[in-house]
N, C-alpha and C. Protein backbone atom coordinates (compact mmCIF):
# COMPACT_ATOMS: atom_id res chain seq x y z
N MET A 1 106.38 138.67 -79.88
CA MET A 1 106.21 139.92 -80.60
C MET A 1 106.63 141.07 -79.70
N PRO A 2 107.32 142.03 -80.22
CA PRO A 2 107.77 143.13 -79.39
C PRO A 2 106.64 144.07 -79.03
N GLY A 3 106.88 144.93 -78.02
CA GLY A 3 105.92 145.95 -77.64
C GLY A 3 106.02 147.14 -78.58
N SER A 4 105.35 148.21 -78.20
CA SER A 4 105.35 149.40 -79.03
C SER A 4 106.77 149.89 -79.24
N SER A 5 107.08 150.25 -80.45
CA SER A 5 108.41 150.73 -80.81
C SER A 5 108.60 152.18 -80.42
N ASP A 6 109.83 152.52 -80.03
CA ASP A 6 110.13 153.90 -79.66
C ASP A 6 110.02 154.86 -80.84
N VAL A 7 110.12 154.35 -82.06
CA VAL A 7 110.03 155.23 -83.23
C VAL A 7 108.60 155.35 -83.74
N GLU A 8 107.68 154.60 -83.13
CA GLU A 8 106.29 154.67 -83.52
C GLU A 8 105.73 156.06 -83.25
N ARG A 9 104.93 156.55 -84.18
CA ARG A 9 104.29 157.86 -84.00
C ARG A 9 103.24 157.76 -82.89
N ILE A 10 103.12 158.82 -82.13
CA ILE A 10 102.14 158.87 -81.05
C ILE A 10 101.07 159.90 -81.39
N GLY A 11 99.98 159.88 -80.65
CA GLY A 11 98.87 160.79 -80.90
C GLY A 11 98.44 161.53 -79.65
N HIS A 12 97.27 162.14 -79.72
CA HIS A 12 96.75 162.95 -78.61
C HIS A 12 96.63 162.15 -77.32
N ARG A 13 96.13 160.93 -77.42
CA ARG A 13 95.91 160.10 -76.22
C ARG A 13 97.23 159.89 -75.47
N GLU A 14 98.30 159.58 -76.18
CA GLU A 14 99.59 159.33 -75.54
C GLU A 14 100.13 160.62 -74.91
N ARG A 15 100.00 161.74 -75.63
CA ARG A 15 100.46 163.02 -75.07
C ARG A 15 99.66 163.40 -73.82
N GLU A 16 98.34 163.14 -73.85
CA GLU A 16 97.50 163.45 -72.68
C GLU A 16 97.89 162.58 -71.48
N SER A 17 98.17 161.30 -71.70
CA SER A 17 98.61 160.43 -70.60
C SER A 17 99.94 160.88 -70.03
N ALA A 18 100.85 161.28 -70.92
CA ALA A 18 102.16 161.78 -70.46
C ALA A 18 101.99 163.07 -69.66
N ALA A 19 101.13 163.95 -70.12
CA ALA A 19 100.88 165.21 -69.40
C ALA A 19 100.29 164.92 -68.02
N SER A 20 99.39 163.94 -67.94
CA SER A 20 98.80 163.55 -66.66
C SER A 20 99.87 163.02 -65.71
N ALA A 21 100.80 162.23 -66.25
CA ALA A 21 101.90 161.71 -65.43
C ALA A 21 102.79 162.85 -64.93
N LEU A 22 103.04 163.84 -65.77
CA LEU A 22 103.84 164.99 -65.34
C LEU A 22 103.17 165.72 -64.18
N VAL A 23 101.86 165.88 -64.26
CA VAL A 23 101.13 166.54 -63.17
C VAL A 23 101.30 165.75 -61.88
N SER A 24 101.23 164.41 -61.97
CA SER A 24 101.43 163.57 -60.78
C SER A 24 102.81 163.80 -60.17
N HIS A 25 103.82 163.90 -61.01
CA HIS A 25 105.19 164.14 -60.51
C HIS A 25 105.33 165.54 -59.93
N LEU A 26 104.66 166.52 -60.52
CA LEU A 26 104.69 167.88 -59.98
C LEU A 26 104.04 167.92 -58.60
N THR A 27 102.86 167.32 -58.47
CA THR A 27 102.16 167.35 -57.17
C THR A 27 102.87 166.53 -56.11
N ALA A 28 103.67 165.53 -56.54
CA ALA A 28 104.45 164.73 -55.59
C ALA A 28 105.75 165.44 -55.19
N GLY A 29 106.05 166.60 -55.81
CA GLY A 29 107.24 167.37 -55.47
C GLY A 29 108.50 166.93 -56.19
N ARG A 30 108.36 166.07 -57.19
CA ARG A 30 109.53 165.60 -57.92
C ARG A 30 109.99 166.59 -58.98
N LEU A 31 109.11 167.49 -59.38
CA LEU A 31 109.42 168.51 -60.38
C LEU A 31 109.10 169.89 -59.82
N SER A 32 109.95 170.85 -60.14
CA SER A 32 109.63 172.24 -59.80
C SER A 32 108.67 172.75 -60.86
N PRO A 33 107.97 173.85 -60.61
CA PRO A 33 107.08 174.41 -61.63
C PRO A 33 107.81 174.72 -62.94
N VAL A 34 109.06 175.18 -62.86
CA VAL A 34 109.83 175.49 -64.08
C VAL A 34 110.13 174.20 -64.84
N GLU A 35 110.58 173.15 -64.11
CA GLU A 35 110.86 171.86 -64.77
C GLU A 35 109.59 171.29 -65.40
N PHE A 36 108.48 171.42 -64.67
CA PHE A 36 107.20 170.93 -65.20
C PHE A 36 106.86 171.61 -66.52
N GLU A 37 106.98 172.93 -66.57
CA GLU A 37 106.66 173.68 -67.79
C GLU A 37 107.55 173.26 -68.95
N GLU A 38 108.85 173.11 -68.68
CA GLU A 38 109.79 172.69 -69.74
C GLU A 38 109.41 171.33 -70.29
N ARG A 39 109.14 170.40 -69.39
CA ARG A 39 108.81 169.04 -69.83
C ARG A 39 107.44 168.99 -70.50
N ALA A 40 106.50 169.78 -70.02
CA ALA A 40 105.16 169.83 -70.63
C ALA A 40 105.25 170.33 -72.07
N ASP A 41 106.16 171.27 -72.32
CA ASP A 41 106.36 171.75 -73.70
C ASP A 41 106.89 170.63 -74.60
N VAL A 42 107.84 169.84 -74.07
CA VAL A 42 108.39 168.72 -74.85
C VAL A 42 107.28 167.71 -75.15
N VAL A 43 106.45 167.40 -74.15
CA VAL A 43 105.35 166.45 -74.33
C VAL A 43 104.39 166.95 -75.39
N ALA A 44 104.05 168.22 -75.34
CA ALA A 44 103.09 168.79 -76.30
C ALA A 44 103.59 168.71 -77.74
N GLN A 45 104.91 168.73 -77.92
CA GLN A 45 105.50 168.71 -79.26
C GLN A 45 106.01 167.33 -79.68
N ALA A 46 105.95 166.36 -78.79
CA ALA A 46 106.50 165.02 -79.07
C ALA A 46 105.75 164.36 -80.23
N ARG A 47 106.53 163.64 -81.04
CA ARG A 47 105.95 162.91 -82.17
C ARG A 47 106.12 161.40 -82.05
N THR A 48 107.09 160.96 -81.23
CA THR A 48 107.35 159.53 -81.08
C THR A 48 107.37 159.13 -79.61
N ALA A 49 107.23 157.83 -79.37
CA ALA A 49 107.29 157.30 -78.01
C ALA A 49 108.65 157.59 -77.37
N ALA A 50 109.72 157.55 -78.16
CA ALA A 50 111.06 157.82 -77.63
C ALA A 50 111.15 159.24 -77.08
N GLU A 51 110.56 160.20 -77.79
CA GLU A 51 110.59 161.59 -77.32
C GLU A 51 109.84 161.72 -75.99
N LEU A 52 108.74 161.00 -75.84
CA LEU A 52 108.01 161.04 -74.56
C LEU A 52 108.81 160.36 -73.45
N ARG A 53 109.40 159.21 -73.74
CA ARG A 53 110.16 158.49 -72.71
C ARG A 53 111.32 159.34 -72.18
N ALA A 54 111.94 160.12 -73.03
CA ALA A 54 113.06 160.96 -72.60
C ALA A 54 112.66 161.95 -71.51
N VAL A 55 111.41 162.36 -71.51
CA VAL A 55 110.91 163.30 -70.51
C VAL A 55 110.88 162.67 -69.12
N PHE A 56 110.76 161.34 -69.06
CA PHE A 56 110.58 160.63 -67.79
C PHE A 56 111.80 159.84 -67.34
N VAL A 57 112.92 159.99 -68.03
CA VAL A 57 114.09 159.15 -67.78
C VAL A 57 114.59 159.23 -66.34
N ASP A 58 114.46 160.36 -65.67
CA ASP A 58 114.97 160.50 -64.30
C ASP A 58 113.85 160.48 -63.25
N LEU A 59 112.66 160.03 -63.64
CA LEU A 59 111.52 159.99 -62.73
C LEU A 59 111.08 158.55 -62.49
N PRO A 60 110.54 158.26 -61.29
CA PRO A 60 110.05 156.89 -61.04
C PRO A 60 108.81 156.62 -61.90
N PRO A 61 108.51 155.33 -62.14
CA PRO A 61 107.33 154.99 -62.94
C PRO A 61 106.06 155.55 -62.33
N SER A 62 105.16 155.95 -63.18
CA SER A 62 103.87 156.48 -62.77
C SER A 62 102.79 155.59 -63.36
N PRO A 63 101.65 155.38 -62.65
CA PRO A 63 100.59 154.58 -63.24
C PRO A 63 99.99 155.25 -64.46
N HIS A 64 100.32 156.54 -64.68
CA HIS A 64 99.80 157.27 -65.84
C HIS A 64 100.71 157.15 -67.05
N TRP A 65 101.89 156.59 -66.86
CA TRP A 65 102.84 156.58 -67.98
C TRP A 65 103.61 155.28 -68.01
N PRO A 66 103.89 154.74 -69.19
CA PRO A 66 104.61 153.48 -69.28
C PRO A 66 105.93 153.50 -68.54
N GLY A 67 106.27 152.42 -68.00
CA GLY A 67 107.48 152.21 -67.21
C GLY A 67 107.30 150.82 -66.65
N SER A 68 107.65 150.60 -65.42
CA SER A 68 107.47 149.26 -64.86
C SER A 68 106.00 148.91 -64.76
N ALA A 69 105.13 149.87 -64.61
CA ALA A 69 103.70 149.60 -64.49
C ALA A 69 103.12 148.99 -65.75
N GLY A 70 103.72 149.25 -66.89
CA GLY A 70 103.20 148.75 -68.16
C GLY A 70 104.01 147.62 -68.76
N ARG A 71 105.01 147.15 -68.02
CA ARG A 71 105.84 146.05 -68.53
C ARG A 71 105.69 144.83 -67.63
N LEU A 72 105.71 143.70 -68.24
CA LEU A 72 105.60 142.45 -67.49
C LEU A 72 106.93 142.11 -66.82
N PRO A 73 106.88 141.59 -65.61
CA PRO A 73 108.11 141.10 -64.98
C PRO A 73 108.69 139.95 -65.80
N ASP A 74 109.98 139.75 -65.71
CA ASP A 74 110.66 138.72 -66.50
C ASP A 74 110.07 137.33 -66.28
N ASP A 75 109.71 137.00 -65.02
CA ASP A 75 109.17 135.66 -64.76
C ASP A 75 107.81 135.46 -65.42
N VAL A 76 106.99 136.50 -65.46
CA VAL A 76 105.68 136.41 -66.12
C VAL A 76 105.88 136.27 -67.62
N ARG A 77 106.78 137.07 -68.18
CA ARG A 77 107.07 137.01 -69.61
C ARG A 77 107.58 135.61 -69.99
N ALA A 78 108.43 135.02 -69.15
CA ALA A 78 108.96 133.69 -69.41
C ALA A 78 107.85 132.63 -69.37
N SER A 79 106.94 132.74 -68.42
CA SER A 79 105.85 131.76 -68.34
C SER A 79 104.92 131.88 -69.55
N LEU A 80 104.72 133.08 -70.04
CA LEU A 80 103.90 133.28 -71.25
C LEU A 80 104.60 132.68 -72.48
N ALA A 81 105.89 132.88 -72.58
CA ALA A 81 106.65 132.34 -73.71
C ALA A 81 106.58 130.81 -73.73
N ALA A 82 106.56 130.20 -72.55
CA ALA A 82 106.47 128.74 -72.45
C ALA A 82 105.10 128.23 -72.90
N GLU A 83 104.12 129.11 -72.96
CA GLU A 83 102.75 128.72 -73.37
C GLU A 83 102.48 129.04 -74.84
N GLU A 84 103.48 129.28 -75.62
CA GLU A 84 103.34 129.64 -77.02
C GLU A 84 102.61 130.99 -77.15
N LEU A 85 103.39 132.02 -77.02
CA LEU A 85 102.90 133.39 -77.07
C LEU A 85 102.41 133.74 -78.48
N LEU A 86 101.19 134.25 -78.56
CA LEU A 86 100.61 134.68 -79.83
C LEU A 86 100.68 136.19 -80.00
N VAL A 87 100.42 136.92 -78.90
CA VAL A 87 100.49 138.39 -78.91
C VAL A 87 101.05 138.84 -77.57
N LEU A 88 101.98 139.78 -77.62
CA LEU A 88 102.47 140.46 -76.42
C LEU A 88 102.71 141.90 -76.79
N ASP A 89 102.03 142.80 -76.13
CA ASP A 89 102.23 144.23 -76.35
C ASP A 89 102.30 144.89 -74.98
N GLU A 90 103.40 145.59 -74.72
CA GLU A 90 103.64 146.21 -73.42
C GLU A 90 103.74 147.72 -73.54
N ASP A 91 103.78 148.38 -72.39
CA ASP A 91 103.85 149.84 -72.30
C ASP A 91 102.71 150.50 -73.07
N LEU A 92 101.55 149.90 -72.95
CA LEU A 92 100.37 150.45 -73.61
C LEU A 92 99.75 151.53 -72.75
N LEU A 93 99.30 152.58 -73.39
CA LEU A 93 98.58 153.63 -72.68
C LEU A 93 97.10 153.28 -72.72
N GLY A 94 96.44 153.54 -71.61
CA GLY A 94 95.03 153.20 -71.57
C GLY A 94 94.35 153.74 -70.35
N SER A 95 93.21 153.13 -70.04
CA SER A 95 92.44 153.56 -68.87
C SER A 95 91.64 152.38 -68.33
N ILE A 96 91.25 152.53 -67.07
CA ILE A 96 90.32 151.59 -66.46
C ILE A 96 89.15 152.42 -65.94
N THR A 97 87.95 151.96 -66.22
CA THR A 97 86.74 152.65 -65.79
C THR A 97 85.94 151.70 -64.90
N TYR A 98 85.54 152.20 -63.73
CA TYR A 98 84.69 151.45 -62.82
C TYR A 98 83.31 152.08 -62.87
N ARG A 99 82.28 151.27 -63.08
CA ARG A 99 80.89 151.74 -63.12
C ARG A 99 80.07 150.99 -62.07
N ARG A 100 79.41 151.75 -61.20
CA ARG A 100 78.61 151.17 -60.12
C ARG A 100 79.39 150.05 -59.42
N TYR A 101 80.61 150.35 -59.08
CA TYR A 101 81.56 149.37 -58.55
C TYR A 101 81.54 149.39 -57.03
N ARG A 102 81.56 148.20 -56.43
CA ARG A 102 81.63 148.06 -54.97
C ARG A 102 82.68 147.01 -54.64
N ALA A 103 83.53 147.37 -53.68
CA ALA A 103 84.56 146.44 -53.21
C ALA A 103 85.05 146.90 -51.85
N ASN A 104 85.14 145.97 -50.91
CA ASN A 104 85.68 146.26 -49.57
C ASN A 104 85.04 147.50 -48.94
N GLY A 105 83.73 147.63 -49.05
CA GLY A 105 83.03 148.75 -48.45
C GLY A 105 83.13 150.06 -49.22
N VAL A 106 83.83 150.07 -50.33
CA VAL A 106 83.98 151.28 -51.14
C VAL A 106 82.99 151.21 -52.29
N ARG A 107 82.30 152.33 -52.51
CA ARG A 107 81.35 152.41 -53.62
C ARG A 107 81.79 153.51 -54.58
N VAL A 108 81.77 153.17 -55.86
CA VAL A 108 82.15 154.14 -56.88
C VAL A 108 81.06 154.14 -57.94
N ARG A 109 80.46 155.31 -58.17
CA ARG A 109 79.44 155.41 -59.21
C ARG A 109 80.09 155.31 -60.59
N ARG A 110 81.09 156.14 -60.82
CA ARG A 110 81.88 156.08 -62.06
C ARG A 110 83.23 156.71 -61.80
N LYS A 111 84.28 155.98 -62.13
CA LYS A 111 85.62 156.52 -61.96
C LYS A 111 86.48 155.99 -63.11
N GLN A 112 87.20 156.90 -63.75
CA GLN A 112 88.11 156.50 -64.82
C GLN A 112 89.51 156.95 -64.44
N VAL A 113 90.48 156.05 -64.63
CA VAL A 113 91.86 156.31 -64.26
C VAL A 113 92.76 155.95 -65.45
N ALA A 114 93.65 156.86 -65.80
CA ALA A 114 94.64 156.58 -66.84
C ALA A 114 95.68 155.63 -66.27
N LEU A 115 96.19 154.74 -67.12
CA LEU A 115 97.19 153.79 -66.65
C LEU A 115 98.03 153.28 -67.82
N ALA A 116 99.07 152.56 -67.47
CA ALA A 116 99.90 151.87 -68.45
C ALA A 116 99.72 150.38 -68.20
N GLY A 117 99.81 149.60 -69.27
CA GLY A 117 99.61 148.17 -69.09
C GLY A 117 100.17 147.35 -70.23
N ALA A 118 99.81 146.07 -70.20
CA ALA A 118 100.26 145.12 -71.21
C ALA A 118 99.14 144.12 -71.46
N VAL A 119 99.15 143.57 -72.68
CA VAL A 119 98.17 142.54 -73.05
C VAL A 119 98.94 141.39 -73.68
N ALA A 120 98.62 140.18 -73.24
CA ALA A 120 99.25 138.99 -73.80
C ALA A 120 98.19 137.93 -74.05
N VAL A 121 98.32 137.26 -75.18
CA VAL A 121 97.47 136.11 -75.49
C VAL A 121 98.40 134.97 -75.86
N THR A 122 98.22 133.84 -75.20
CA THR A 122 98.96 132.63 -75.54
C THR A 122 97.96 131.61 -76.08
N THR A 123 98.44 130.43 -76.41
CA THR A 123 97.52 129.38 -76.84
C THR A 123 96.66 128.90 -75.67
N ARG A 124 97.01 129.32 -74.44
CA ARG A 124 96.28 128.87 -73.25
C ARG A 124 95.48 129.95 -72.53
N ARG A 125 95.93 131.22 -72.57
CA ARG A 125 95.27 132.21 -71.72
C ARG A 125 95.38 133.64 -72.24
N LEU A 126 94.56 134.49 -71.63
CA LEU A 126 94.61 135.94 -71.82
C LEU A 126 95.12 136.53 -70.52
N LEU A 127 96.12 137.40 -70.64
CA LEU A 127 96.65 138.11 -69.48
C LEU A 127 96.61 139.61 -69.78
N VAL A 128 95.99 140.36 -68.87
CA VAL A 128 95.99 141.82 -68.97
C VAL A 128 96.68 142.35 -67.73
N TRP A 129 97.78 143.06 -67.94
CA TRP A 129 98.58 143.65 -66.87
C TRP A 129 98.22 145.13 -66.85
N ALA A 130 97.78 145.64 -65.72
CA ALA A 130 97.36 147.04 -65.64
C ALA A 130 97.90 147.67 -64.37
N ALA A 131 98.56 148.81 -64.53
CA ALA A 131 99.09 149.57 -63.40
C ALA A 131 99.99 148.73 -62.50
N GLY A 132 100.81 147.86 -63.10
CA GLY A 132 101.82 147.14 -62.34
C GLY A 132 101.41 145.81 -61.77
N SER A 133 100.21 145.28 -62.10
CA SER A 133 99.82 143.97 -61.58
C SER A 133 98.84 143.29 -62.53
N LYS A 134 98.65 141.97 -62.29
CA LYS A 134 97.69 141.22 -63.10
C LYS A 134 96.30 141.77 -62.84
N HIS A 135 95.59 142.05 -63.90
CA HIS A 135 94.20 142.49 -63.74
C HIS A 135 93.25 141.42 -64.26
N VAL A 136 93.62 140.79 -65.35
CA VAL A 136 92.86 139.67 -65.91
C VAL A 136 93.87 138.57 -66.24
N ASP A 137 93.59 137.36 -65.78
CA ASP A 137 94.42 136.21 -66.09
C ASP A 137 93.48 135.03 -66.20
N VAL A 138 93.00 134.76 -67.42
CA VAL A 138 91.95 133.78 -67.64
C VAL A 138 92.37 132.75 -68.68
N PRO A 139 92.32 131.47 -68.33
CA PRO A 139 92.56 130.45 -69.34
C PRO A 139 91.48 130.55 -70.44
N LEU A 140 91.88 130.37 -71.68
CA LEU A 140 90.94 130.52 -72.79
C LEU A 140 89.82 129.49 -72.74
N ALA A 141 90.08 128.31 -72.18
CA ALA A 141 89.06 127.26 -72.11
C ALA A 141 88.18 127.36 -70.87
N HIS A 142 88.46 128.29 -69.98
CA HIS A 142 87.71 128.42 -68.73
C HIS A 142 86.38 129.14 -68.98
N PRO A 143 85.32 128.74 -68.28
CA PRO A 143 84.02 129.41 -68.45
C PRO A 143 84.06 130.92 -68.18
N LEU A 144 84.99 131.37 -67.32
CA LEU A 144 85.09 132.81 -67.05
C LEU A 144 85.49 133.61 -68.29
N ARG A 145 86.15 132.96 -69.24
CA ARG A 145 86.52 133.65 -70.49
C ARG A 145 85.28 134.24 -71.15
N LEU A 146 84.14 133.53 -71.03
CA LEU A 146 82.90 133.99 -71.64
C LEU A 146 82.31 135.21 -70.91
N ALA A 147 82.79 135.48 -69.70
CA ALA A 147 82.32 136.66 -68.96
C ALA A 147 82.99 137.94 -69.44
N LEU A 148 84.03 137.80 -70.26
CA LEU A 148 84.74 138.97 -70.79
C LEU A 148 84.13 139.43 -72.10
N ASP A 149 83.87 140.72 -72.19
CA ASP A 149 83.41 141.33 -73.44
C ASP A 149 84.64 141.98 -74.07
N VAL A 150 85.15 141.39 -75.14
CA VAL A 150 86.37 141.89 -75.79
C VAL A 150 86.00 142.44 -77.15
N GLN A 151 86.30 143.71 -77.38
CA GLN A 151 85.99 144.38 -78.64
C GLN A 151 87.22 145.15 -79.11
N ALA A 152 87.29 145.34 -80.41
CA ALA A 152 88.37 146.15 -81.00
C ALA A 152 87.76 147.09 -82.01
N GLU A 153 88.19 148.32 -81.94
CA GLU A 153 87.81 149.31 -82.93
C GLU A 153 89.07 150.06 -83.33
N LYS A 154 89.52 149.81 -84.55
CA LYS A 154 90.80 150.33 -85.03
C LYS A 154 91.89 149.89 -84.07
N ASP A 155 92.61 150.82 -83.45
CA ASP A 155 93.70 150.48 -82.53
C ASP A 155 93.29 150.55 -81.06
N LEU A 156 91.99 150.50 -80.78
CA LEU A 156 91.51 150.56 -79.41
C LEU A 156 90.97 149.20 -78.99
N LEU A 157 91.60 148.60 -77.97
CA LEU A 157 91.16 147.33 -77.42
C LEU A 157 90.33 147.62 -76.18
N HIS A 158 89.13 147.05 -76.13
CA HIS A 158 88.20 147.28 -75.02
C HIS A 158 87.86 145.92 -74.41
N ILE A 159 88.17 145.75 -73.13
CA ILE A 159 87.87 144.52 -72.40
C ILE A 159 87.02 144.91 -71.20
N ALA A 160 85.81 144.38 -71.13
CA ALA A 160 84.89 144.73 -70.04
C ALA A 160 84.34 143.46 -69.40
N TYR A 161 83.97 143.58 -68.11
CA TYR A 161 83.41 142.43 -67.41
C TYR A 161 82.67 142.88 -66.16
N ASP A 162 81.82 141.99 -65.68
CA ASP A 162 81.12 142.18 -64.41
C ASP A 162 82.08 141.71 -63.32
N ALA A 163 82.40 142.60 -62.39
CA ALA A 163 83.39 142.29 -61.35
C ALA A 163 83.00 141.07 -60.52
N LYS A 164 81.70 140.88 -60.30
CA LYS A 164 81.23 139.77 -59.47
C LYS A 164 81.53 138.41 -60.10
N ALA A 165 81.65 138.35 -61.41
CA ALA A 165 81.96 137.09 -62.08
C ALA A 165 83.33 136.57 -61.67
N PHE A 166 84.23 137.48 -61.29
CA PHE A 166 85.59 137.09 -60.95
C PHE A 166 85.84 137.07 -59.44
N ARG A 167 85.10 137.90 -58.70
CA ARG A 167 85.25 137.93 -57.24
C ARG A 167 83.90 138.18 -56.61
N ALA A 168 83.45 137.26 -55.77
CA ALA A 168 82.13 137.33 -55.16
C ALA A 168 81.95 138.56 -54.26
N ASP A 169 83.06 139.11 -53.73
CA ASP A 169 82.97 140.26 -52.83
C ASP A 169 82.95 141.60 -53.58
N ARG A 170 82.81 141.57 -54.91
CA ARG A 170 82.81 142.79 -55.71
C ARG A 170 81.61 142.80 -56.63
N SER A 171 81.22 144.01 -57.04
CA SER A 171 80.15 144.12 -58.02
C SER A 171 80.38 145.35 -58.87
N GLY A 172 79.65 145.44 -59.98
CA GLY A 172 79.79 146.56 -60.89
C GLY A 172 80.52 146.14 -62.16
N ARG A 173 80.66 147.09 -63.05
CA ARG A 173 81.30 146.82 -64.33
C ARG A 173 82.69 147.45 -64.35
N VAL A 174 83.65 146.70 -64.90
CA VAL A 174 85.02 147.17 -65.05
C VAL A 174 85.33 147.18 -66.54
N GLU A 175 85.88 148.28 -67.03
CA GLU A 175 86.22 148.41 -68.44
C GLU A 175 87.67 148.84 -68.58
N LEU A 176 88.43 148.04 -69.32
CA LEU A 176 89.83 148.35 -69.61
C LEU A 176 89.93 148.74 -71.08
N ARG A 177 90.64 149.83 -71.35
CA ARG A 177 90.86 150.26 -72.73
C ARG A 177 92.36 150.50 -72.93
N PHE A 178 92.88 149.96 -74.02
CA PHE A 178 94.28 150.16 -74.36
C PHE A 178 94.41 150.50 -75.84
N THR A 179 95.33 151.39 -76.14
CA THR A 179 95.68 151.67 -77.52
C THR A 179 96.79 150.71 -77.92
N THR A 180 96.51 149.87 -78.92
CA THR A 180 97.48 148.89 -79.39
C THR A 180 97.22 148.56 -80.85
N THR A 181 98.27 148.42 -81.60
CA THR A 181 98.13 148.02 -83.00
C THR A 181 97.67 146.57 -83.11
N HIS A 182 97.66 145.85 -82.00
CA HIS A 182 97.23 144.44 -81.98
C HIS A 182 95.78 144.28 -81.52
N ALA A 183 95.02 145.36 -81.42
CA ALA A 183 93.65 145.28 -80.90
C ALA A 183 92.79 144.29 -81.68
N LYS A 184 92.78 144.39 -82.98
CA LYS A 184 91.94 143.50 -83.79
C LYS A 184 92.41 142.06 -83.71
N THR A 185 93.71 141.85 -83.63
CA THR A 185 94.25 140.49 -83.51
C THR A 185 93.81 139.86 -82.19
N VAL A 186 93.90 140.62 -81.10
CA VAL A 186 93.49 140.10 -79.79
C VAL A 186 92.00 139.75 -79.82
N ALA A 187 91.17 140.64 -80.35
CA ALA A 187 89.73 140.38 -80.42
C ALA A 187 89.43 139.13 -81.25
N ARG A 188 90.13 138.98 -82.38
CA ARG A 188 89.93 137.80 -83.23
C ARG A 188 90.34 136.53 -82.50
N LEU A 189 91.49 136.54 -81.82
CA LEU A 189 91.96 135.37 -81.10
C LEU A 189 91.01 134.96 -79.98
N LEU A 190 90.32 135.94 -79.41
CA LEU A 190 89.40 135.65 -78.31
C LEU A 190 87.97 135.43 -78.80
N GLY A 191 87.80 135.38 -80.11
CA GLY A 191 86.49 135.07 -80.66
C GLY A 191 85.53 136.21 -80.76
N SER A 192 86.02 137.45 -80.64
CA SER A 192 85.16 138.63 -80.77
C SER A 192 85.41 139.26 -82.13
N ALA A 193 84.37 139.74 -82.72
CA ALA A 193 84.50 140.37 -84.05
C ALA A 193 84.96 141.80 -83.91
N PRO A 194 86.08 142.19 -84.57
CA PRO A 194 86.51 143.59 -84.55
C PRO A 194 85.50 144.45 -85.29
N ARG A 195 85.32 145.68 -84.81
CA ARG A 195 84.39 146.61 -85.46
C ARG A 195 85.09 147.36 -86.55
């Protein structure tokens, strides 16, 4: 199944993520204040994903905006296809939230970060790609699958888990949210009831 179409209508969430990515490029010195203002105006008026992508055509991928960070590498996509792909949606806008999270001596009470990602479900596993790397890769028959709380509400896919269930050196709750037209399908395939 293809990812989000360039002609698909976008909403406030997508424009806000694009605006956040523009700010990142401005602070990194890739855009002058004048260029930033011009592009911010285009983002504010954009109606489709294609109009937003045009704003970033000459900029490197940002974790705040779809690009390589939200697309699966060819080898990963090929391995998923070999497992009978049921759902694949890439270049999704979303966020990751850490709550009472601890890892490698770092403590975070609450932190939310905008990101781009992908979600894939095969007959064998769930793969969530977030900010350019695997974030969740769980065989459907594995006991860890039960540690994932997967919910869908309209076009919002919510995947949450206790970090310690996946890595003994971490603790706290991790929540991934993506806007995808496949949210309810993913929740159904993973045995969660869509709201």
